[in-house]
Protein backbone atom coordinates (compact mmCIF):
# COMPACT_ATOMS: atom_id res chain seq x y z
CA UNK A 1 -21.92 -17.65 2.93
CA UNK A 2 -21.39 -17.31 -0.82
CA UNK A 3 -21.17 -13.87 -2.36
CA UNK A 4 -20.24 -12.10 -5.55
CA UNK A 5 -17.42 -9.60 -5.95
CA UNK A 6 -14.83 -11.47 -3.92
CA UNK A 7 -11.12 -12.06 -4.12
CA UNK A 8 -9.76 -15.50 -3.22
CA UNK A 9 -6.46 -16.49 -1.63
CA UNK A 10 -5.51 -20.15 -2.10
CA UNK A 11 -3.09 -21.75 0.38
CA UNK A 12 -1.58 -25.22 0.31
CA UNK A 13 -3.81 -26.85 2.94
CA UNK A 14 -7.19 -28.56 2.65
CA UNK A 15 -9.23 -26.73 0.01
CA UNK A 16 -12.79 -28.06 0.45
CA UNK A 17 -15.76 -25.79 1.01
CA UNK A 18 -17.37 -23.84 -1.84
CA UNK A 19 -14.06 -23.04 -3.59
CA UNK A 20 -14.91 -24.34 -7.05
CA UNK A 21 -18.26 -22.56 -7.09
CA UNK A 22 -16.75 -19.30 -5.89
CA UNK A 23 -13.63 -19.63 -8.02
CA UNK A 24 -15.69 -19.53 -11.20
CA UNK A 25 -16.93 -16.01 -10.42
CA UNK A 26 -14.21 -14.46 -8.24
CA UNK A 27 -12.83 -11.11 -9.34
CA UNK A 28 -9.28 -12.11 -8.41
CA UNK A 29 -7.57 -15.35 -7.35
CA UNK A 30 -4.13 -15.24 -5.72
CA UNK A 31 -2.16 -18.41 -5.02
CA UNK A 32 0.45 -18.51 -2.27
CA UNK A 33 3.44 -20.33 -3.77
CA UNK A 34 2.83 -24.11 -3.92
CA UNK A 35 -0.92 -23.64 -3.64
CA UNK A 36 -0.74 -22.98 -7.36
CA UNK A 37 -0.26 -26.72 -7.83
CA UNK A 38 -3.63 -27.37 -6.17
CA UNK A 39 -5.28 -24.55 -8.07
CA UNK A 40 -4.05 -26.01 -11.34
CA UNK A 41 -5.31 -29.49 -10.40
CA UNK A 42 -8.69 -28.01 -9.45
CA UNK A 43 -8.96 -26.13 -12.74
CA UNK A 44 -8.81 -22.66 -11.18
CA UNK A 45 -7.52 -19.76 -13.25
CA UNK A 46 -5.45 -17.69 -10.83
CA UNK A 47 -4.34 -14.18 -11.68
CA UNK A 48 -1.23 -14.13 -9.47
CA UNK A 49 1.22 -16.53 -7.82
CA UNK A 50 3.04 -14.92 -4.89
CA UNK A 51 5.75 -16.21 -2.53
CA UNK A 52 9.34 -17.36 -2.43
CA UNK A 53 8.39 -19.88 -5.16
CA UNK A 54 10.27 -22.77 -3.56
CA UNK A 55 7.25 -25.12 -3.52
CA UNK A 56 6.02 -24.83 -7.09
CA UNK A 57 7.22 -26.76 -10.11
CA UNK A 58 8.68 -24.97 -13.16
CA UNK A 59 5.94 -26.59 -15.22
CA UNK A 60 3.16 -25.05 -13.11
CA UNK A 61 4.90 -21.68 -13.12
CA UNK A 62 5.05 -21.84 -16.89
CA UNK A 63 1.41 -22.99 -17.04
CA UNK A 64 0.12 -19.92 -15.21
CA UNK A 65 2.58 -17.49 -16.79
CA UNK A 66 1.40 -18.53 -20.24
CA UNK A 67 -2.16 -17.78 -19.11
CA UNK A 68 -1.26 -14.25 -18.14
CA UNK A 69 -0.88 -14.70 -14.36
CA UNK A 70 1.49 -12.36 -12.55
CA UNK A 71 4.37 -14.33 -11.00
CA UNK A 72 5.78 -12.42 -8.03
CA UNK A 73 8.88 -13.78 -6.28
CA UNK A 74 9.18 -12.45 -2.71
CA UNK A 75 12.21 -14.13 -1.05
CA UNK A 76 11.67 -12.40 2.34
CA UNK A 77 12.01 -15.13 4.98
CA UNK A 78 10.59 -13.03 7.82
CA UNK A 79 7.07 -13.45 6.45
CA UNK A 80 5.34 -16.56 5.18
CA UNK A 81 3.62 -16.97 1.84
CA UNK A 82 0.14 -16.29 3.25
CA UNK A 83 1.29 -12.86 4.46
CA UNK A 84 2.94 -12.18 1.11
CA UNK A 85 -0.26 -13.08 -0.73
CA UNK A 86 -2.34 -10.82 1.53
CA UNK A 87 0.14 -7.95 1.16
CA UNK A 88 -0.04 -8.33 -2.60
CA UNK A 89 -3.83 -8.40 -2.45
CA UNK A 90 -3.88 -5.17 -0.45
CA UNK A 91 -2.35 -3.40 -3.45
CA UNK A 92 -5.20 -4.62 -5.67
CA UNK A 93 -8.28 -5.12 -3.51
CA UNK A 94 -10.02 -3.85 -0.38
CA UNK A 95 -13.32 -5.73 -0.58
CA UNK A 96 -14.37 -9.19 0.57
CA UNK A 97 -11.65 -11.85 0.71
CA UNK A 98 -12.15 -15.61 1.04
CA UNK A 99 -9.25 -17.87 1.98
CA UNK A 100 -8.99 -21.58 1.16
CA UNK A 101 -6.38 -24.11 2.25
CA UNK A 102 -5.65 -22.56 5.68
CA UNK A 103 -6.20 -25.79 7.62
CA UNK A 104 -5.42 -29.48 7.20
CA UNK A 105 -2.13 -31.32 7.51
CA UNK A 106 0.13 -29.64 10.06
CA UNK A 107 -1.51 -28.10 13.12
CA UNK A 108 1.34 -25.60 13.55
CA UNK A 109 0.72 -24.30 10.03
CA UNK A 110 -3.01 -23.96 10.72
CA UNK A 111 -2.41 -22.03 13.95
CA UNK A 112 0.11 -19.72 12.27
CA UNK A 113 -2.33 -19.09 9.42
CA UNK A 114 -5.09 -18.22 11.86
CA UNK A 115 -2.76 -15.80 13.63
CA UNK A 116 -2.01 -14.10 10.30
CA UNK A 117 -5.71 -13.98 9.46
CA UNK A 118 -6.34 -12.24 12.79
CA UNK A 119 -3.70 -9.59 12.01
CA UNK A 120 -5.21 -8.80 8.62
CA UNK A 121 -8.91 -9.01 9.58
CA UNK A 122 -9.47 -5.26 9.73
CA UNK A 123 -7.65 -4.50 6.47
CA UNK A 124 -10.32 -5.81 4.10
CA UNK A 125 -14.07 -5.27 4.01
CA UNK A 126 -14.37 -8.86 5.23
CA UNK A 127 -11.95 -11.76 5.60
CA UNK A 128 -13.37 -15.28 5.77
CA UNK A 129 -11.69 -18.67 5.56
CA UNK A 130 -13.17 -22.02 4.54
CA UNK A 131 -12.28 -25.68 4.75
CA UNK A 132 -14.34 -28.83 4.20
CA UNK A 133 -16.21 -28.43 7.50
CA UNK A 134 -16.54 -24.78 8.44
CA UNK A 135 -16.43 -21.08 7.69
CA UNK A 136 -14.13 -19.00 9.91
CA UNK A 137 -13.98 -15.32 10.81
CA UNK A 138 -12.47 -13.22 13.59
CA UNK A 139 -14.13 -10.67 15.82
CA UNK A 140 -11.85 -7.98 17.21
CA UNK A 141 -12.19 -4.59 18.87
CA UNK A 142 -12.29 -3.01 15.41
CA UNK A 143 -14.68 -5.56 13.89
CA UNK A 144 -16.64 -6.43 16.96
CA UNK A 145 -19.84 -8.04 15.69
CA UNK A 146 -21.28 -10.32 13.05
CA UNK A 147 -24.71 -11.56 12.00
CA UNK A 148 -25.24 -14.79 10.07
CA UNK A 149 -28.22 -16.41 8.41
CA UNK A 150 -28.00 -20.14 9.07
CA UNK A 151 -30.31 -23.15 9.56
CA UNK A 152 -31.49 -24.07 13.04
CA UNK A 153 -29.08 -26.61 14.51
CA UNK A 154 -26.00 -25.22 12.74
CA UNK A 155 -22.89 -25.81 14.84
CA UNK A 156 -21.13 -22.60 15.86
CA UNK A 157 -17.96 -22.50 17.96
CA UNK A 158 -16.53 -19.42 19.68
CA UNK A 159 -12.80 -19.72 20.36
CA UNK A 160 -10.99 -16.86 22.11
CA UNK A 161 -7.54 -15.90 20.86
CA UNK A 162 -6.10 -14.86 24.18
CA UNK A 163 -9.34 -13.58 25.63
CA UNK A 164 -12.63 -12.18 24.40
CA UNK A 165 -14.52 -9.94 26.81
CA UNK A 166 -18.12 -8.76 26.84
CA UNK A 167 -19.31 -11.59 24.59
CA UNK A 168 -23.00 -11.33 23.68
CA UNK A 169 -24.90 -13.80 21.49
CA UNK A 170 -28.41 -14.07 20.10
CA UNK A 171 -30.16 -17.21 18.80
CA UNK A 172 -27.66 -19.69 20.23
CA UNK A 173 -28.70 -22.64 22.41
CA UNK A 174 -26.20 -21.65 25.11
CA UNK A 175 -26.44 -17.85 25.16
CA UNK A 176 -23.71 -15.56 26.39
CA UNK A 177 -24.52 -12.19 27.94
CA UNK A 178 -21.52 -9.92 28.58
CA UNK A 179 -19.33 -12.92 29.42
CA UNK A 180 -15.62 -13.62 29.03
CA UNK A 181 -13.97 -16.45 27.13
CA UNK A 182 -10.27 -17.09 27.72
CA UNK A 183 -7.90 -19.52 26.02
CA UNK A 184 -6.91 -22.23 28.45
CA UNK A 185 -9.87 -21.50 30.74
CA UNK A 186 -13.13 -21.29 28.84
CA UNK A 187 -14.15 -21.72 25.21
CA UNK A 188 -17.52 -21.83 23.48
CA UNK A 189 -17.20 -25.08 21.54
CA UNK A 190 -20.08 -26.60 19.52
CA UNK A 191 -22.90 -24.23 20.35
CA UNK A 192 -26.00 -24.47 18.12
CA UNK A 193 -28.19 -22.02 16.27
CA UNK A 194 -31.77 -21.87 17.54
CA UNK A 195 -32.96 -19.20 15.13
CA UNK A 196 -31.74 -16.92 12.38
CA UNK A 197 -29.91 -14.66 12.13
CA UNK A 198 -27.34 -15.59 14.76
CA UNK A 199 -25.61 -12.49 16.08
CA UNK A 200 -22.38 -12.37 18.06
CA UNK A 201 -20.47 -9.41 19.47
CA UNK A 202 -17.52 -8.72 21.75
CA UNK A 203 -16.32 -5.63 23.60
CA UNK A 204 -12.59 -6.39 23.79
CA UNK A 205 -10.08 -9.00 22.70
CA UNK A 206 -10.24 -11.40 19.79
CA UNK A 207 -12.40 -14.41 19.03
CA UNK A 208 -12.56 -16.94 16.21
CA UNK A 209 -16.09 -17.78 15.07
CA UNK A 210 -16.35 -21.16 13.32
CA UNK A 211 -19.66 -21.91 11.57
CA UNK A 212 -20.28 -25.41 10.25
CA UNK A 213 -21.05 -25.61 6.54
């Protein structure tokens, strides 16, 4: 789901997805610490590098500083660099945010990043994440529905974080009508779009929606 007028957060995981296309027209690109190395390799011009700066080379710091990027050292060890980047972004931006590099490599990192994404979901107009396979978003009690234009056959997974109650879907092969999904008991893995738009809503809880690219 490409759009204009976005801000991008780059993390140190698997970039993939439409990053290069979006990066060329993003209003603001923020790199979380060592993700600046990947951004430099990909040819992205980031406007800020935020974190404890323990995973970035002096050469890359100098590279972005010379190009006018803000370099913000935040040594706080109670929060990770993704949180620091989002907190920085909140001082500059309240619109749509796309995150790259959240997944890939260590599963514990990916799960922690998803947990952080869930906490910040309601603080921007929208918060989406991308990797080489999928687009991710959370539904919560405060942002309880979404509607997506996608081709018939698109794979869509519904994964509860804890539990998601009152789940309702439209245009999915295996429809849900006021049902409950619960982590460890029931998930909605690999459903498929049968029409467009696909709409999904919940009444309570939290649910990750993963849409194949």
